[in-house]
Amino acid sequence: MPYPNRQKCLDTITLCSHEEADTRLFLHAREAVIIGDKTITIKTNDTDVVIIAISAFPLLQELGLESLWISFGQGSNTRWIPIHELVQSIGAERASGMLKRT
């Protein structure tokens, strides 16, 4: 057990209305940052998750996240995407606007 003294409260996650795993996993990321994680890695094959990660990073960064990595693909086609570097390159305002808000 890597973090024996850390307890997670999932009350805010279980009450959420996010049905898609694409967005729900960022609620888990938020909770991880709140309890002190500075680096998060997400493994996915879904480009939607990459776009959501870019959009969500500025908010997670405000909570204390320093780096967000996406492991994208499978096997020898796996690529590591440094979301924190992409957001730094395009700017937080552009990154936050990547998703259409309704």
Protein backbone atom coordinates (compact mmCIF):
# COMPACT_ATOMS: atom_id res chain seq x y z
CA MET A 1 0.00 0.00 0.00
CA PRO A 2 1.86 3.11 -1.21
CA TYR A 3 -0.07 5.71 0.81
CA PRO A 4 -1.23 4.04 4.04
CA ASN A 5 -2.10 7.27 5.90
CA ARG A 6 -4.16 8.84 3.13
CA GLN A 7 -7.89 8.39 3.16
CA LYS A 8 -10.06 9.30 0.24
CA CYS A 9 -13.53 10.69 0.59
CA LEU A 10 -15.49 9.81 -2.53
CA ASP A 11 -18.76 11.46 -1.46
CA THR A 12 -18.44 14.24 -4.04
CA ILE A 13 -17.75 11.72 -6.79
CA THR A 14 -20.61 9.35 -6.03
CA LEU A 15 -23.09 12.22 -6.09
CA CYS A 16 -21.94 13.55 -9.45
CA SER A 17 -24.02 13.30 -12.62
CA HIS A 18 -21.11 12.35 -14.91
CA GLU A 19 -22.07 9.12 -16.63
CA GLU A 20 -19.15 9.01 -19.06
CA ALA A 21 -15.86 7.66 -17.75
CA ASP A 22 -14.11 10.28 -19.92
CA THR A 23 -15.21 13.09 -17.63
CA ARG A 24 -15.69 11.13 -14.42
CA LEU A 25 -12.02 10.22 -14.21
CA PHE A 26 -11.17 13.91 -13.87
CA LEU A 27 -13.30 14.03 -10.72
CA HIS A 28 -11.03 11.32 -9.38
CA ALA A 29 -8.01 13.36 -10.50
CA ARG A 30 -9.41 16.39 -8.65
CA GLU A 31 -9.81 14.37 -5.47
CA ALA A 32 -6.24 13.08 -5.81
CA VAL A 33 -4.94 16.64 -6.11
CA ILE A 34 -6.99 17.77 -3.12
CA ILE A 35 -5.37 15.10 -0.94
CA GLY A 36 -1.92 16.16 -2.08
CA ASP A 37 -0.92 14.43 -5.31
CA LYS A 38 1.29 16.64 -7.48
CA THR A 39 1.59 14.33 -10.51
CA ILE A 40 -1.15 12.29 -12.18
CA THR A 41 -0.91 9.74 -14.98
CA ILE A 42 -3.90 8.61 -17.01
CA LYS A 43 -3.80 5.71 -19.45
CA THR A 44 -6.21 5.94 -22.37
CA ASN A 45 -6.79 5.15 -26.03
CA ASP A 46 -9.43 7.85 -26.36
CA THR A 47 -8.57 11.21 -27.93
CA ASP A 48 -11.51 12.78 -26.04
CA VAL A 49 -9.65 12.17 -22.77
CA VAL A 50 -6.61 14.05 -24.13
CA ILE A 51 -8.75 17.08 -25.03
CA ILE A 52 -10.54 16.98 -21.66
CA ALA A 53 -7.16 16.73 -19.92
CA ILE A 54 -5.89 19.84 -21.70
CA SER A 55 -9.03 21.72 -20.76
CA ALA A 56 -9.08 20.50 -17.15
CA PHE A 57 -5.39 20.98 -16.37
CA PRO A 58 -5.56 24.73 -15.56
CA LEU A 59 -8.25 24.07 -12.93
CA LEU A 60 -6.32 21.15 -11.47
CA GLN A 61 -3.16 23.26 -11.50
CA GLU A 62 -4.91 25.91 -9.39
CA LEU A 63 -5.54 23.17 -6.83
CA GLY A 64 -1.85 22.22 -6.77
CA LEU A 65 -1.29 19.76 -9.62
CA GLU A 66 2.16 20.18 -11.13
CA SER A 67 2.16 17.64 -13.94
CA LEU A 68 -0.40 15.58 -15.82
CA TRP A 69 0.76 12.78 -18.10
CA ILE A 70 -1.34 10.82 -20.56
CA SER A 71 -0.16 7.37 -21.58
CA PHE A 72 -1.85 7.15 -24.97
CA GLY A 73 -2.06 4.06 -27.15
CA GLN A 74 -1.15 0.41 -26.73
CA GLY A 75 1.99 -1.68 -26.74
CA SER A 76 4.78 -0.34 -28.92
CA ASN A 77 2.45 2.45 -30.08
CA THR A 78 2.17 3.96 -26.59
CA ARG A 79 3.12 7.62 -26.38
CA TRP A 80 3.53 9.72 -23.26
CA ILE A 81 1.85 13.12 -23.60
CA PRO A 82 2.90 15.84 -21.12
CA ILE A 83 -0.37 17.74 -20.77
CA HIS A 84 1.27 20.28 -18.44
CA GLU A 85 3.76 21.20 -21.18
CA LEU A 86 1.03 21.51 -23.81
CA VAL A 87 -0.97 23.83 -21.58
CA GLN A 88 2.13 25.89 -20.83
CA SER A 89 2.77 26.17 -24.56
CA ILE A 90 -0.74 27.23 -25.62
CA GLY A 91 -1.66 29.10 -22.44
CA ALA A 92 -4.22 28.38 -19.75
CA GLU A 93 -6.91 30.54 -21.35
CA ARG A 94 -6.80 28.65 -24.65
CA ALA A 95 -6.53 25.32 -22.86
CA SER A 96 -9.60 26.05 -20.73
CA GLY A 97 -11.53 26.94 -23.87
CA MET A 98 -10.83 23.64 -25.63
CA LEU A 99 -14.20 22.22 -24.59
CA LYS A 100 -17.46 23.72 -25.68
CA ARG A 101 -19.37 24.62 -22.55
CA THR A 102 -23.13 24.43 -22.67
